[in-house]
Protein backbone atom coordinates (compact mmCIF):
# COMPACT_ATOMS: atom_id res chain seq x y z
CA UNK A 1 -31.51 8.47 10.71
CA UNK A 2 -34.50 9.94 8.92
CA UNK A 3 -37.47 7.71 8.07
CA UNK A 4 -39.64 8.14 5.00
CA UNK A 5 -43.16 7.39 6.22
CA UNK A 6 -44.97 4.51 4.57
CA UNK A 7 -47.73 6.91 3.46
CA UNK A 8 -45.21 8.45 1.03
CA UNK A 9 -43.64 5.13 0.01
CA UNK A 10 -47.04 3.58 -0.74
CA UNK A 11 -47.75 6.32 -3.30
CA UNK A 12 -44.58 5.65 -5.31
CA UNK A 13 -45.32 4.59 -8.86
CA UNK A 14 -43.39 4.73 -12.11
CA UNK A 15 -46.65 5.53 -13.91
CA UNK A 16 -47.03 8.77 -11.91
CA UNK A 17 -43.92 10.84 -12.54
CA UNK A 18 -44.71 13.17 -9.61
CA UNK A 19 -45.25 10.44 -7.03
CA UNK A 20 -41.69 10.72 -5.74
CA UNK A 21 -41.48 14.51 -5.26
CA UNK A 22 -41.93 14.44 -1.47
CA UNK A 23 -39.63 11.45 -1.07
CA UNK A 24 -36.92 13.21 -3.12
CA UNK A 25 -37.22 16.23 -0.84
CA UNK A 26 -36.94 14.04 2.28
CA UNK A 27 -33.83 12.31 0.92
CA UNK A 28 -32.25 15.66 -0.01
CA UNK A 29 -33.02 17.02 3.47
CA UNK A 30 -31.46 13.96 5.10
CA UNK A 31 -28.32 14.26 2.93
CA UNK A 32 -28.02 17.95 3.76
CA UNK A 33 -28.18 17.11 7.46
CA UNK A 34 -25.72 14.21 7.07
CA UNK A 35 -28.34 11.62 7.96
CA UNK A 36 -29.07 8.15 6.60
CA UNK A 37 -32.51 7.43 5.14
CA UNK A 38 -34.81 4.46 5.73
CA UNK A 39 -37.98 3.85 3.72
CA UNK A 40 -40.84 2.42 5.77
CA UNK A 41 -43.54 0.20 4.30
CA UNK A 42 -41.76 -1.06 1.19
CA UNK A 43 -44.15 -3.66 -0.19
CA UNK A 44 -43.43 -3.94 -3.92
CA UNK A 45 -40.41 -4.39 -6.18
CA UNK A 46 -41.43 -1.14 -7.91
CA UNK A 47 -41.23 0.80 -4.63
CA UNK A 48 -37.86 -0.81 -3.93
CA UNK A 49 -36.47 0.17 -7.34
CA UNK A 50 -37.68 3.77 -6.97
CA UNK A 51 -36.12 4.05 -3.49
CA UNK A 52 -32.87 2.62 -4.88
CA UNK A 53 -32.89 5.22 -7.65
CA UNK A 54 -33.37 7.93 -5.02
CA UNK A 55 -30.30 6.59 -3.15
CA UNK A 56 -32.18 5.49 -0.05
CA UNK A 57 -29.81 3.34 2.02
CA UNK A 58 -32.29 1.26 4.02
CA UNK A 59 -35.77 -0.16 3.67
CA UNK A 60 -38.25 -1.99 5.81
CA UNK A 61 -41.60 -3.51 5.03
CA UNK A 62 -43.43 -6.64 3.96
CA UNK A 63 -41.25 -6.98 0.85
CA UNK A 64 -38.38 -7.81 3.21
CA UNK A 65 -40.19 -9.56 6.07
CA UNK A 66 -43.43 -9.67 8.00
CA UNK A 67 -43.31 -8.19 11.54
CA UNK A 68 -41.37 -10.55 13.83
CA UNK A 69 -41.19 -11.10 17.54
CA UNK A 70 -37.79 -11.32 19.24
CA UNK A 71 -37.35 -15.08 18.77
CA UNK A 72 -38.41 -14.98 15.11
CA UNK A 73 -36.06 -12.05 14.47
CA UNK A 74 -33.13 -13.88 16.08
CA UNK A 75 -33.87 -16.97 13.96
CA UNK A 76 -34.06 -14.85 10.80
CA UNK A 77 -30.75 -13.16 11.53
CA UNK A 78 -29.16 -16.56 12.20
CA UNK A 79 -30.45 -17.97 8.89
CA UNK A 80 -29.30 -14.86 7.04
CA UNK A 81 -25.80 -15.10 8.51
CA UNK A 82 -25.61 -18.76 7.46
CA UNK A 83 -26.74 -17.87 3.93
CA UNK A 84 -24.22 -15.06 3.65
CA UNK A 85 -21.38 -17.22 4.96
CA UNK A 86 -22.28 -19.98 2.48
CA UNK A 87 -22.42 -17.45 -0.36
CA UNK A 88 -19.05 -15.97 0.61
CA UNK A 89 -17.41 -19.41 0.69
CA UNK A 90 -18.81 -20.19 -2.75
CA UNK A 91 -17.55 -16.90 -4.20
CA UNK A 92 -14.42 -15.85 -2.33
CA UNK A 93 -13.51 -13.31 -5.04
CA UNK A 94 -16.37 -10.98 -4.11
CA UNK A 95 -17.17 -9.23 -0.85
CA UNK A 96 -20.41 -7.82 -2.26
CA UNK A 97 -23.83 -9.39 -2.40
CA UNK A 98 -26.45 -8.53 -4.97
CA UNK A 99 -29.76 -7.03 -3.87
CA UNK A 100 -31.49 -10.32 -4.67
CA UNK A 101 -29.15 -12.15 -2.26
CA UNK A 102 -29.81 -10.15 0.89
CA UNK A 103 -31.74 -6.91 0.71
CA UNK A 104 -35.10 -8.53 1.31
CA UNK A 105 -34.30 -9.16 4.96
CA UNK A 106 -33.85 -5.85 6.77
CA UNK A 107 -30.50 -5.04 5.15
CA UNK A 108 -29.55 -1.89 3.27
CA UNK A 109 -31.06 -1.33 -0.13
CA UNK A 110 -28.34 -1.96 -2.71
CA UNK A 111 -27.94 0.66 -5.41
CA UNK A 112 -26.69 -0.53 -8.77
């Protein structure tokens, strides 16, 4: 797995068309090497959308969750599994979840 440092992610902006040049290169490098990509320090919906457009599979940062200790992390994962199970029971026709349903909590970034 190759991580995109938060210093690159924090510079992402749709108003600056060149802000994603380094991130694009990192993603291309990772793909060439057969690696997955995780974006560190995702803090805004705009950064999330840009990373989705660049086909970044994973993201971490305050947009998803504040830093957690072991007990808090276990509780979060438990709550998330309950939410996903409830959602699946309510919609048995679909195995997929939208980005709004689950990507905010340490799960892969969904690409539409």
